[in-house]
C-alpha cells in the first residue's frame, strides 16, 4: 500500500521508496523518509497531502505519495 491510500491520522512504517531518481531518494532521506521510519498522513487534498515524519510536517504531491510504500 502507498501513502495515497493510507488512512488519515494512522501511523505507518515506511517499507520502501519506489523511485528511480537518486536525487529524490537523497532528498527524502534528508527529511527522514526512509525504510523503517514511522510516517503519518495528516491531511489530504486533491493534488497533495501533508505528512508527519519525525518532528516535521511536509507537503508532498500525489505522485510522490504513491512512491512511498507503507
PDB file of N, CA and C in Angstrom:
ATOM      1  N   UNK A   1       0.849  -1.169   0.000  1.00  0.00           N
ATOM      2  CA  UNK A   1       0.000   0.000   0.000  1.00  0.00           C
ATOM      3  C   UNK A   1       0.899   1.237   0.000  1.00  0.00           C
ATOM      4  N   UNK A   2       0.433   2.293  -0.664  1.00  0.00           N
ATOM      5  CA  UNK A   2       1.200   3.531  -0.675  1.00  0.00           C
ATOM      6  C   UNK A   2       0.496   4.599   0.163  1.00  0.00           C
ATOM      7  N   UNK A   3       1.154   5.748   0.332  1.00  0.00           N
ATOM      8  CA  UNK A   3       0.591   6.806   1.172  1.00  0.00           C
ATOM      9  C   UNK A   3      -0.691   7.402   0.598  1.00  0.00           C
ATOM     10  N   UNK A   4      -0.868   7.292  -0.683  1.00  0.00           N
ATOM     11  CA  UNK A   4      -2.073   7.835  -1.320  1.00  0.00           C
ATOM     12  C   UNK A   4      -3.330   7.145  -0.793  1.00  0.00           C
ATOM     13  N   UNK A   5      -3.222   5.889  -0.436  1.00  0.00           N
ATOM     14  CA  UNK A   5      -4.379   5.149   0.064  1.00  0.00           C
ATOM     15  C   UNK A   5      -4.327   4.937   1.580  1.00  0.00           C
ATOM     16  N   UNK A   6      -3.379   5.594   2.249  1.00  0.00           N
ATOM     17  CA  UNK A   6      -3.249   5.446   3.699  1.00  0.00           C
ATOM     18  C   UNK A   6      -4.356   6.196   4.429  1.00  0.00           C
ATOM     19  N   UNK A   7      -4.708   5.684   5.578  1.00  0.00           N
ATOM     20  CA  UNK A   7      -5.741   6.274   6.422  1.00  0.00           C
ATOM     21  C   UNK A   7      -5.196   7.524   7.127  1.00  0.00           C
ATOM     22  N   UNK A   8      -5.991   8.578   7.185  1.00  0.00           N
ATOM     23  CA  UNK A   8      -5.579   9.808   7.857  1.00  0.00           C
ATOM     24  C   UNK A   8      -5.376   9.573   9.351  1.00  0.00           C
ATOM     25  N   UNK A   9      -4.294  10.134   9.888  1.00  0.00           N
ATOM     26  CA  UNK A   9      -4.046  10.080  11.320  1.00  0.00           C
ATOM     27  C   UNK A   9      -3.454   8.785  11.840  1.00  0.00           C
ATOM     28  N   UNK A  10      -3.323   7.789  11.010  1.00  0.00           N
ATOM     29  CA  UNK A  10      -2.773   6.499  11.437  1.00  0.00           C
ATOM     30  C   UNK A  10      -1.276   6.456  11.131  1.00  0.00           C
ATOM     31  N   UNK A  11      -0.491   5.988  12.095  1.00  0.00           N
ATOM     32  CA  UNK A  11       0.952   5.901  11.896  1.00  0.00           C
ATOM     33  C   UNK A  11       1.299   4.613  11.151  1.00  0.00           C
ATOM     34  N   UNK A  12       2.124   4.741  10.133  1.00  0.00           N
ATOM     35  CA  UNK A  12       2.597   3.606   9.340  1.00  0.00           C
ATOM     36  C   UNK A  12       4.123   3.568   9.395  1.00  0.00           C
ATOM     37  N   UNK A  13       4.672   2.428   9.081  1.00  0.00           N
ATOM     38  CA  UNK A  13       6.123   2.279   8.954  1.00  0.00           C
ATOM     39  C   UNK A  13       6.446   2.212   7.463  1.00  0.00           C
ATOM     40  N   UNK A  14       7.394   3.011   7.031  1.00  0.00           N
ATOM     41  CA  UNK A  14       7.783   3.026   5.615  1.00  0.00           C
ATOM     42  C   UNK A  14       8.479   1.709   5.285  1.00  0.00           C
ATOM     43  N   UNK A  15       7.955   1.005   4.279  1.00  0.00           N
ATOM     44  CA  UNK A  15       8.564  -0.258   3.837  1.00  0.00           C
ATOM     45  C   UNK A  15       9.597  -0.021   2.753  1.00  0.00           C
ATOM     46  N   UNK A  16       9.299   0.912   1.840  1.00  0.00           N
ATOM     47  CA  UNK A  16      10.213   1.166   0.727  1.00  0.00           C
ATOM     48  C   UNK A  16       9.856   2.485   0.059  1.00  0.00           C
ATOM     49  N   UNK A  17      10.826   3.016  -0.674  1.00  0.00           N
ATOM     50  CA  UNK A  17      10.621   4.192  -1.505  1.00  0.00           C
ATOM     51  C   UNK A  17      10.815   3.723  -2.944  1.00  0.00           C
ATOM     52  N   UNK A  18       9.780   3.841  -3.762  1.00  0.00           N
ATOM     53  CA  UNK A  18       9.803   3.311  -5.125  1.00  0.00           C
ATOM     54  C   UNK A  18      10.013   4.425  -6.145  1.00  0.00           C
ATOM     55  N   UNK A  19      11.251   4.942  -6.212  1.00  0.00           N
ATOM     56  CA  UNK A  19      11.603   5.942  -7.221  1.00  0.00           C
ATOM     57  C   UNK A  19      12.885   5.488  -7.908  1.00  0.00           C
ATOM     58  N   UNK A  20      13.088   5.984  -9.090  1.00  0.00           N
ATOM     59  CA  UNK A  20      14.322   5.687  -9.814  1.00  0.00           C
ATOM     60  C   UNK A  20      15.224   6.914  -9.888  1.00  0.00           C
ATOM     61  N   UNK A  21      14.863   7.961  -9.168  1.00  0.00           N
ATOM     62  CA  UNK A  21      15.605   9.219  -9.169  1.00  0.00           C
ATOM     63  C   UNK A  21      16.471   9.293  -7.911  1.00  0.00           C
ATOM     64  N   UNK A  22      17.780   9.246  -8.089  1.00  0.00           N
ATOM     65  CA  UNK A  22      18.699   9.245  -6.948  1.00  0.00           C
ATOM     66  C   UNK A  22      18.638  10.545  -6.162  1.00  0.00           C
ATOM     67  N   UNK A  23      18.435  11.678  -6.845  1.00  0.00           N
ATOM     68  CA  UNK A  23      18.340  12.960  -6.152  1.00  0.00           C
ATOM     69  C   UNK A  23      17.107  13.010  -5.266  1.00  0.00           C
ATOM     70  N   UNK A  24      16.009  12.481  -5.766  1.00  0.00           N
ATOM     71  CA  UNK A  24      14.779  12.436  -4.981  1.00  0.00           C
ATOM     72  C   UNK A  24      14.952  11.514  -3.777  1.00  0.00           C
ATOM     73  N   UNK A  25      15.594  10.388  -3.969  1.00  0.00           N
ATOM     74  CA  UNK A  25      15.874   9.477  -2.854  1.00  0.00           C
ATOM     75  C   UNK A  25      16.724  10.176  -1.789  1.00  0.00           C
ATOM     76  N   UNK A  26      17.743  10.908  -2.218  1.00  0.00           N
ATOM     77  CA  UNK A  26      18.612  11.625  -1.276  1.00  0.00           C
ATOM     78  C   UNK A  26      17.837  12.715  -0.545  1.00  0.00           C
ATOM     79  N   UNK A  27      16.946  13.415  -1.254  1.00  0.00           N
ATOM     80  CA  UNK A  27      16.131  14.453  -0.627  1.00  0.00           C
ATOM     81  C   UNK A  27      15.215  13.849   0.435  1.00  0.00           C
ATOM     82  N   UNK A  28      14.537  12.764   0.100  1.00  0.00           N
ATOM     83  CA  UNK A  28      13.643  12.104   1.053  1.00  0.00           C
ATOM     84  C   UNK A  28      14.424  11.591   2.263  1.00  0.00           C
ATOM     85  N   UNK A  29      15.600  11.062   2.025  1.00  0.00           N
ATOM     86  CA  UNK A  29      16.441  10.581   3.120  1.00  0.00           C
ATOM     87  C   UNK A  29      16.802  11.732   4.054  1.00  0.00           C
ATOM     88  N   UNK A  30      17.085  12.920   3.492  1.00  0.00           N
ATOM     89  CA  UNK A  30      17.429  14.075   4.326  1.00  0.00           C
ATOM     90  C   UNK A  30      16.253  14.537   5.177  1.00  0.00           C
ATOM     91  N   UNK A  31      15.027  14.247   4.739  1.00  0.00           N
ATOM     92  CA  UNK A  31      13.834  14.576   5.528  1.00  0.00           C
ATOM     93  C   UNK A  31      13.556  13.530   6.600  1.00  0.00           C
ATOM     94  N   UNK A  32      14.226  12.394   6.514  1.00  0.00           N
ATOM     95  CA  UNK A  32      13.975  11.295   7.445  1.00  0.00           C
ATOM     96  C   UNK A  32      12.991  10.292   6.895  1.00  0.00           C
ATOM     97  N   UNK A  33      12.745  10.356   5.605  1.00  0.00           N
ATOM     98  CA  UNK A  33      11.783   9.472   4.941  1.00  0.00           C
ATOM     99  C   UNK A  33      12.544   8.317   4.288  1.00  0.00           C
ATOM    100  N   UNK A  34      12.693   7.218   5.035  1.00  0.00           N
ATOM    101  CA  UNK A  34      13.379   6.028   4.524  1.00  0.00           C
ATOM    102  C   UNK A  34      12.818   4.798   5.216  1.00  0.00           C
ATOM    103  N   UNK A  35      13.155   3.647   4.725  1.00  0.00           N
ATOM    104  CA  UNK A  35      12.609   2.382   5.242  1.00  0.00           C
ATOM    105  C   UNK A  35      12.809   2.255   6.746  1.00  0.00           C
ATOM    106  N   UNK A  36      11.743   1.812   7.413  1.00  0.00           N
ATOM    107  CA  UNK A  36      11.797   1.591   8.844  1.00  0.00           C
ATOM    108  C   UNK A  36      11.346   2.764   9.691  1.00  0.00           C
ATOM    109  N   UNK A  37      11.161   3.926   9.087  1.00  0.00           N
ATOM    110  CA  UNK A  37      10.747   5.111   9.837  1.00  0.00           C
ATOM    111  C   UNK A  37       9.230   5.240   9.866  1.00  0.00           C
ATOM    112  N   UNK A  38       8.681   5.739  10.969  1.00  0.00           N
ATOM    113  CA  UNK A  38       7.230   5.967  11.031  1.00  0.00           C
ATOM    114  C   UNK A  38       6.832   7.216  10.241  1.00  0.00           C
ATOM    115  N   UNK A  39       5.641   7.170   9.649  1.00  0.00           N
ATOM    116  CA  UNK A  39       5.109   8.298   8.886  1.00  0.00           C
ATOM    117  C   UNK A  39       3.593   8.319   9.081  1.00  0.00           C
ATOM    118  N   UNK A  40       3.032   9.519   9.143  1.00  0.00           N
ATOM    119  CA  UNK A  40       1.593   9.683   9.338  1.00  0.00           C
ATOM    120  C   UNK A  40       1.059  10.666   8.307  1.00  0.00           C
ATOM    121  N   UNK A  41      -0.046  10.320   7.659  1.00  0.00           N
ATOM    122  CA  UNK A  41      -0.711  11.248   6.754  1.00  0.00           C
ATOM    123  C   UNK A  41      -1.626  12.127   7.608  1.00  0.00           C
ATOM    124  N   UNK A  42      -1.331  13.426   7.637  1.00  0.00           N
ATOM    125  CA  UNK A  42      -2.064  14.365   8.476  1.00  0.00           C
ATOM    126  C   UNK A  42      -3.310  14.878   7.763  1.00  0.00           C
ATOM    127  N   UNK A  43      -3.166  15.230   6.478  1.00  0.00           N
ATOM    128  CA  UNK A  43      -4.315  15.695   5.695  1.00  0.00           C
ATOM    129  C   UNK A  43      -4.076  15.374   4.231  1.00  0.00           C
ATOM    130  N   UNK A  44      -5.156  15.414   3.472  1.00  0.00           N
ATOM    131  CA  UNK A  44      -5.070  15.079   2.052  1.00  0.00           C
ATOM    132  C   UNK A  44      -5.948  16.034   1.261  1.00  0.00           C
ATOM    133  N   UNK A  45      -5.418  16.534   0.141  1.00  0.00           N
ATOM    134  CA  UNK A  45      -6.160  17.388  -0.778  1.00  0.00           C
ATOM    135  C   UNK A  45      -6.139  16.759  -2.151  1.00  0.00           C
ATOM    136  N   UNK A  46      -6.667  17.465  -3.131  1.00  0.00           N
ATOM    137  CA  UNK A  46      -6.742  16.907  -4.490  1.00  0.00           C
ATOM    138  C   UNK A  46      -5.371  16.570  -5.061  1.00  0.00           C
ATOM    139  N   UNK A  47      -4.418  17.478  -4.926  1.00  0.00           N
ATOM    140  CA  UNK A  47      -3.126  17.287  -5.594  1.00  0.00           C
ATOM    141  C   UNK A  47      -1.961  16.976  -4.672  1.00  0.00           C
ATOM    142  N   UNK A  48      -2.180  17.042  -3.360  1.00  0.00           N
ATOM    143  CA  UNK A  48      -1.072  16.761  -2.445  1.00  0.00           C
ATOM    144  C   UNK A  48      -1.597  16.301  -1.096  1.00  0.00           C
ATOM    145  N   UNK A  49      -0.665  15.942  -0.231  1.00  0.00           N
ATOM    146  CA  UNK A  49      -1.035  15.579   1.130  1.00  0.00           C
ATOM    147  C   UNK A  49       0.055  16.067   2.074  1.00  0.00           C
ATOM    148  N   UNK A  50      -0.310  16.219   3.327  1.00  0.00           N
ATOM    149  CA  UNK A  50       0.621  16.631   4.368  1.00  0.00           C
ATOM    150  C   UNK A  50       0.954  15.400   5.202  1.00  0.00           C
ATOM    151  N   UNK A  51       2.246  15.170   5.371  1.00  0.00           N
ATOM    152  CA  UNK A  51       2.695  14.023   6.151  1.00  0.00           C
ATOM    153  C   UNK A  51       3.549  14.490   7.317  1.00  0.00           C
ATOM    154  N   UNK A  52       3.553  13.698   8.364  1.00  0.00           N
ATOM    155  CA  UNK A  52       4.392  13.961   9.525  1.00  0.00           C
ATOM    156  C   UNK A  52       5.486  12.898   9.561  1.00  0.00           C
ATOM    157  N   UNK A  53       6.735  13.372   9.503  1.00  0.00           N
ATOM    158  CA  UNK A  53       7.895  12.490   9.561  1.00  0.00           C
ATOM    159  C   UNK A  53       8.795  13.029  10.660  1.00  0.00           C
ATOM    160  N   UNK A  54       9.087  12.199  11.633  1.00  0.00           N
ATOM    161  CA  UNK A  54       9.873  12.612  12.804  1.00  0.00           C
ATOM    162  C   UNK A  54       9.205  13.830  13.433  1.00  0.00           C
ATOM    163  N   UNK A  55       9.888  14.967  13.531  1.00  0.00           N
ATOM    164  CA  UNK A  55       9.315  16.157  14.163  1.00  0.00           C
ATOM    165  C   UNK A  55       8.832  17.191  13.155  1.00  0.00           C
ATOM    166  N   UNK A  56       8.761  16.836  11.879  1.00  0.00           N
ATOM    167  CA  UNK A  56       8.377  17.805  10.860  1.00  0.00           C
ATOM    168  C   UNK A  56       7.136  17.402  10.097  1.00  0.00           C
ATOM    169  N   UNK A  57       6.518  18.406   9.490  1.00  0.00           N
ATOM    170  CA  UNK A  57       5.376  18.175   8.602  1.00  0.00           C
ATOM    171  C   UNK A  57       5.753  18.694   7.228  1.00  0.00           C
ATOM    172  N   UNK A  58       5.425  17.903   6.206  1.00  0.00           N
ATOM    173  CA  UNK A  58       5.804  18.241   4.843  1.00  0.00           C
ATOM    174  C   UNK A  58       4.626  18.030   3.908  1.00  0.00           C
ATOM    175  N   UNK A  59       4.508  18.903   2.906  1.00  0.00           N
ATOM    176  CA  UNK A  59       3.525  18.709   1.848  1.00  0.00           C
ATOM    177  C   UNK A  59       4.210  17.973   0.712  1.00  0.00           C
ATOM    178  N   UNK A  60       3.606  16.890   0.265  1.00  0.00           N
ATOM    179  CA  UNK A  60       4.145  16.148  -0.872  1.00  0.00           C
ATOM    180  C   UNK A  60       3.039  15.968  -1.898  1.00  0.00           C
ATOM    181  N   UNK A  61       3.419  15.909  -3.169  1.00  0.00           N
ATOM    182  CA  UNK A  61       2.395  15.732  -4.205  1.00  0.00           C
ATOM    183  C   UNK A  61       1.972  14.274  -4.286  1.00  0.00           C
ATOM    184  N   UNK A  62       0.885  14.041  -4.983  1.00  0.00           N
ATOM    185  CA  UNK A  62       0.317  12.693  -5.056  1.00  0.00           C
ATOM    186  C   UNK A  62       1.254  11.690  -5.717  1.00  0.00           C
ATOM    187  N   UNK A  63       2.029  12.140  -6.697  1.00  0.00           N
ATOM    188  CA  UNK A  63       2.960  11.237  -7.368  1.00  0.00           C
ATOM    189  C   UNK A  63       4.002  10.710  -6.379  1.00  0.00           C
ATOM    190  N   UNK A  64       4.510  11.592  -5.539  1.00  0.00           N
ATOM    191  CA  UNK A  64       5.484  11.168  -4.534  1.00  0.00           C
ATOM    192  C   UNK A  64       4.828  10.308  -3.462  1.00  0.00           C
ATOM    193  N   UNK A  65       3.594  10.641  -3.090  1.00  0.00           N
ATOM    194  CA  UNK A  65       2.865   9.838  -2.102  1.00  0.00           C
ATOM    195  C   UNK A  65       2.666   8.406  -2.596  1.00  0.00           C
ATOM    196  N   UNK A  66       2.496   8.240  -3.883  1.00  0.00           N
ATOM    197  CA  UNK A  66       2.341   6.901  -4.452  1.00  0.00           C
ATOM    198  C   UNK A  66       3.653   6.129  -4.448  1.00  0.00           C
ATOM    199  N   UNK A  67       4.785   6.836  -4.404  1.00  0.00           N
ATOM    200  CA  UNK A  67       6.094   6.186  -4.420  1.00  0.00           C
ATOM    201  C   UNK A  67       6.530   5.731  -3.033  1.00  0.00           C
ATOM    202  N   UNK A  68       5.880   6.225  -1.980  1.00  0.00           N
ATOM    203  CA  UNK A  68       6.232   5.845  -0.615  1.00  0.00           C
ATOM    204  C   UNK A  68       5.330   4.686  -0.195  1.00  0.00           C
ATOM    205  N   UNK A  69       5.924   3.526  -0.041  1.00  0.00           N
ATOM    206  CA  UNK A  69       5.172   2.308   0.295  1.00  0.00           C
ATOM    207  C   UNK A  69       5.198   2.060   1.792  1.00  0.00           C
ATOM    208  N   UNK A  70       4.018   1.815   2.349  1.00  0.00           N
ATOM    209  CA  UNK A  70       3.906   1.564   3.797  1.00  0.00           C
ATOM    210  C   UNK A  70       3.306   0.196   4.043  1.00  0.00           C
TER     211      UNK A  70
END
